[in-house]
Amino acid sequence: MFVVAFFFFFLQVETILDKDSYTLEELLDEDEIIQECKALNNRLINFLREKPQVEQLLRYIVEEADSDAEKKRTIKFPFIACEIFTCEVDIILRTLVDDRELMDLLFSFLEPDRNHSTQLAGYFSKVVICLLMRKTMPFMNYIQVSNLPY
């Protein structure tokens, strides 16, 4: 029974990846996406490592959703986005830390005029700690050259 359930979830992610066109949100809505990231599903990782996907994952973490947004947008997607980063998939972290615009987006969370929930603050800190632990040199280089006023 376990094998059948596992295979069904695996097929859900693969079914989405087999489509001609799919969105990041379709994948984030699948319960097994984190396990597929940890299993280093090549097709999934190759999609998630692209700059537009990394940018959207960051936006789920650093930008509060509108008050009338669906629960997926306010709760599920920020959690899944954080978990994808903290799976420590090297190529996804490298896409983030090697791109100044993406790092600026991540640290825009600290701008003083922005209010955030404690939930998003926790996700932000988990991603920053992960980068500090796994991509120490590029992370520290960014901190040194950026003019973070906060």
Protein backbone atom coordinates (compact mmCIF):
# COMPACT_ATOMS: atom_id res chain seq x y z
CA MET A 1 0.00 0.00 0.00
CA PHE A 2 2.84 2.42 0.86
CA VAL A 3 4.49 1.81 -2.51
CA VAL A 4 1.24 2.55 -4.32
CA ALA A 5 0.76 5.79 -2.37
CA PHE A 6 4.37 6.86 -2.99
CA PHE A 7 4.08 6.07 -6.68
CA PHE A 8 0.84 8.07 -6.92
CA PHE A 9 2.47 11.16 -5.40
CA PHE A 10 5.53 10.73 -7.58
CA LEU A 11 3.27 10.55 -10.60
CA GLN A 12 1.53 13.78 -9.63
CA VAL A 13 4.74 15.82 -9.87
CA GLU A 14 5.85 13.93 -12.98
CA THR A 15 2.44 14.44 -14.60
CA ILE A 16 2.79 18.18 -14.16
CA LEU A 17 6.36 18.12 -15.49
CA ASP A 18 5.18 16.12 -18.53
CA LYS A 19 2.76 18.86 -19.57
CA ASP A 20 3.76 21.28 -22.32
CA SER A 21 3.04 24.20 -20.05
CA TYR A 22 2.81 24.39 -16.28
CA THR A 23 3.29 26.93 -13.54
CA LEU A 24 5.33 27.11 -10.39
CA GLU A 25 2.08 27.31 -8.43
CA GLU A 26 0.89 23.97 -9.84
CA LEU A 27 4.05 22.34 -8.53
CA LEU A 28 3.93 24.15 -5.18
CA ASP A 29 0.42 22.83 -4.70
CA GLU A 30 1.62 19.21 -4.85
CA ASP A 31 2.16 17.62 -1.45
CA GLU A 32 5.27 15.71 -2.49
CA ILE A 33 7.27 18.57 -3.99
CA ILE A 34 9.62 18.79 -1.00
CA GLN A 35 10.37 15.06 -1.12
CA GLU A 36 11.00 15.34 -4.86
CA CYS A 37 13.45 18.21 -4.23
CA LYS A 38 15.25 16.18 -1.58
CA ALA A 39 15.36 13.22 -3.98
CA LEU A 40 16.95 15.60 -6.53
CA ASN A 41 14.36 15.02 -9.24
CA ASN A 42 16.35 16.42 -12.17
CA ARG A 43 13.41 17.76 -14.14
CA LEU A 44 11.96 19.48 -11.09
CA ILE A 45 15.31 20.93 -9.98
CA ASN A 46 16.06 22.19 -13.49
CA PHE A 47 12.75 24.04 -13.50
CA LEU A 48 13.10 25.43 -9.97
CA ARG A 49 16.67 26.66 -10.53
CA GLU A 50 15.64 29.11 -13.26
CA LYS A 51 15.78 32.74 -12.20
CA PRO A 52 12.03 33.45 -12.66
CA GLN A 53 11.14 30.54 -10.37
CA VAL A 54 13.73 31.48 -7.74
CA GLU A 55 12.45 35.05 -7.86
CA GLN A 56 8.84 33.96 -7.35
CA LEU A 57 9.84 31.64 -4.50
CA LEU A 58 11.57 34.60 -2.85
CA ARG A 59 8.52 36.79 -3.35
CA TYR A 60 6.42 34.26 -1.44
CA ILE A 61 8.85 34.65 1.46
CA VAL A 62 9.51 38.41 1.48
CA GLU A 63 6.18 39.87 0.35
CA GLU A 64 3.02 39.73 2.40
CA ALA A 65 0.01 38.45 0.49
CA ASP A 66 -3.03 40.64 0.02
CA SER A 67 -5.58 40.30 2.79
CA ASP A 68 -8.07 38.69 0.40
CA ALA A 69 -5.58 36.15 -1.02
CA GLU A 70 -6.23 32.42 -0.92
CA LYS A 71 -4.78 30.36 1.93
CA LYS A 72 -2.42 28.74 -0.55
CA ARG A 73 -0.83 32.13 -1.19
CA THR A 74 -0.73 33.21 2.43
CA ILE A 75 0.24 29.96 4.15
CA LYS A 76 1.15 27.04 1.89
CA PHE A 77 3.28 28.67 -0.82
CA PRO A 78 5.53 30.67 1.56
CA PHE A 79 6.12 27.52 3.62
CA ILE A 80 6.91 25.38 0.55
CA ALA A 81 9.17 28.12 -0.87
CA CYS A 82 11.17 28.23 2.35
CA GLU A 83 11.43 24.44 2.42
CA ILE A 84 12.68 24.36 -1.17
CA PHE A 85 15.52 26.71 -0.28
CA THR A 86 16.34 24.87 2.93
CA CYS A 87 16.48 21.51 1.12
CA GLU A 88 19.96 22.80 0.31
CA VAL A 89 19.86 21.94 -3.38
CA ASP A 90 23.16 23.45 -4.48
CA ILE A 91 22.09 24.65 -7.91
CA ILE A 92 19.02 26.46 -6.54
CA LEU A 93 21.05 28.14 -3.80
CA ARG A 94 23.72 29.06 -6.35
CA THR A 95 21.12 30.70 -8.59
CA LEU A 96 20.09 32.84 -5.63
CA VAL A 97 23.44 33.75 -4.13
CA ASP A 98 25.15 34.43 -7.48
CA ASP A 99 22.51 36.93 -8.60
CA ARG A 100 22.69 40.40 -7.07
CA GLU A 101 19.06 41.23 -7.97
CA LEU A 102 17.79 38.09 -6.27
CA MET A 103 19.87 38.75 -3.17
CA ASP A 104 18.60 42.34 -3.13
CA LEU A 105 15.06 40.98 -3.30
CA LEU A 106 15.75 38.64 -0.39
CA PHE A 107 17.17 41.43 1.75
CA SER A 108 14.38 43.83 0.80
CA PHE A 109 12.59 42.01 3.60
CA LEU A 110 14.61 44.15 6.02
CA GLU A 111 13.51 47.51 4.65
CA PRO A 112 12.21 49.53 7.60
CA ASP A 113 8.95 50.59 5.96
CA ARG A 114 7.78 47.01 5.44
CA ASN A 115 5.70 45.15 7.99
CA HIS A 116 5.87 41.37 8.07
CA SER A 117 4.26 38.54 9.92
CA THR A 118 6.35 36.52 12.31
CA GLN A 119 5.73 33.58 9.99
CA LEU A 120 7.49 35.29 7.06
CA ALA A 121 10.24 36.54 9.39
CA GLY A 122 10.90 32.94 10.35
CA TYR A 123 11.05 31.85 6.71
CA PHE A 124 13.37 34.73 5.84
CA SER A 125 15.73 33.86 8.68
CA LYS A 126 15.77 30.16 7.72
CA VAL A 127 16.77 31.02 4.15
CA VAL A 128 19.46 33.46 5.30
CA ILE A 129 20.89 30.90 7.75
CA CYS A 130 20.89 28.25 5.03
CA LEU A 131 22.80 30.56 2.68
CA LEU A 132 25.23 31.49 5.43
CA MET A 133 25.90 27.83 6.19
CA ARG A 134 25.98 26.43 2.63
CA LYS A 135 27.15 29.37 0.52
CA THR A 136 29.27 31.24 3.04
CA MET A 137 31.76 32.98 0.75
CA PRO A 138 29.33 34.27 -1.90
CA PHE A 139 26.91 35.25 0.86
CA MET A 140 29.57 37.20 2.75
CA ASN A 141 30.80 38.79 -0.48
CA TYR A 142 27.27 40.04 -1.12
CA ILE A 143 27.00 41.44 2.41
CA GLN A 144 30.33 43.25 2.04
CA VAL A 145 29.62 44.86 -1.33
CA SER A 146 25.95 45.63 -0.83
CA ASN A 147 25.02 48.85 0.83
CA LEU A 148 22.36 47.50 3.10
CA PRO A 149 21.12 50.53 5.00
CA TYR A 150 19.22 48.43 7.50
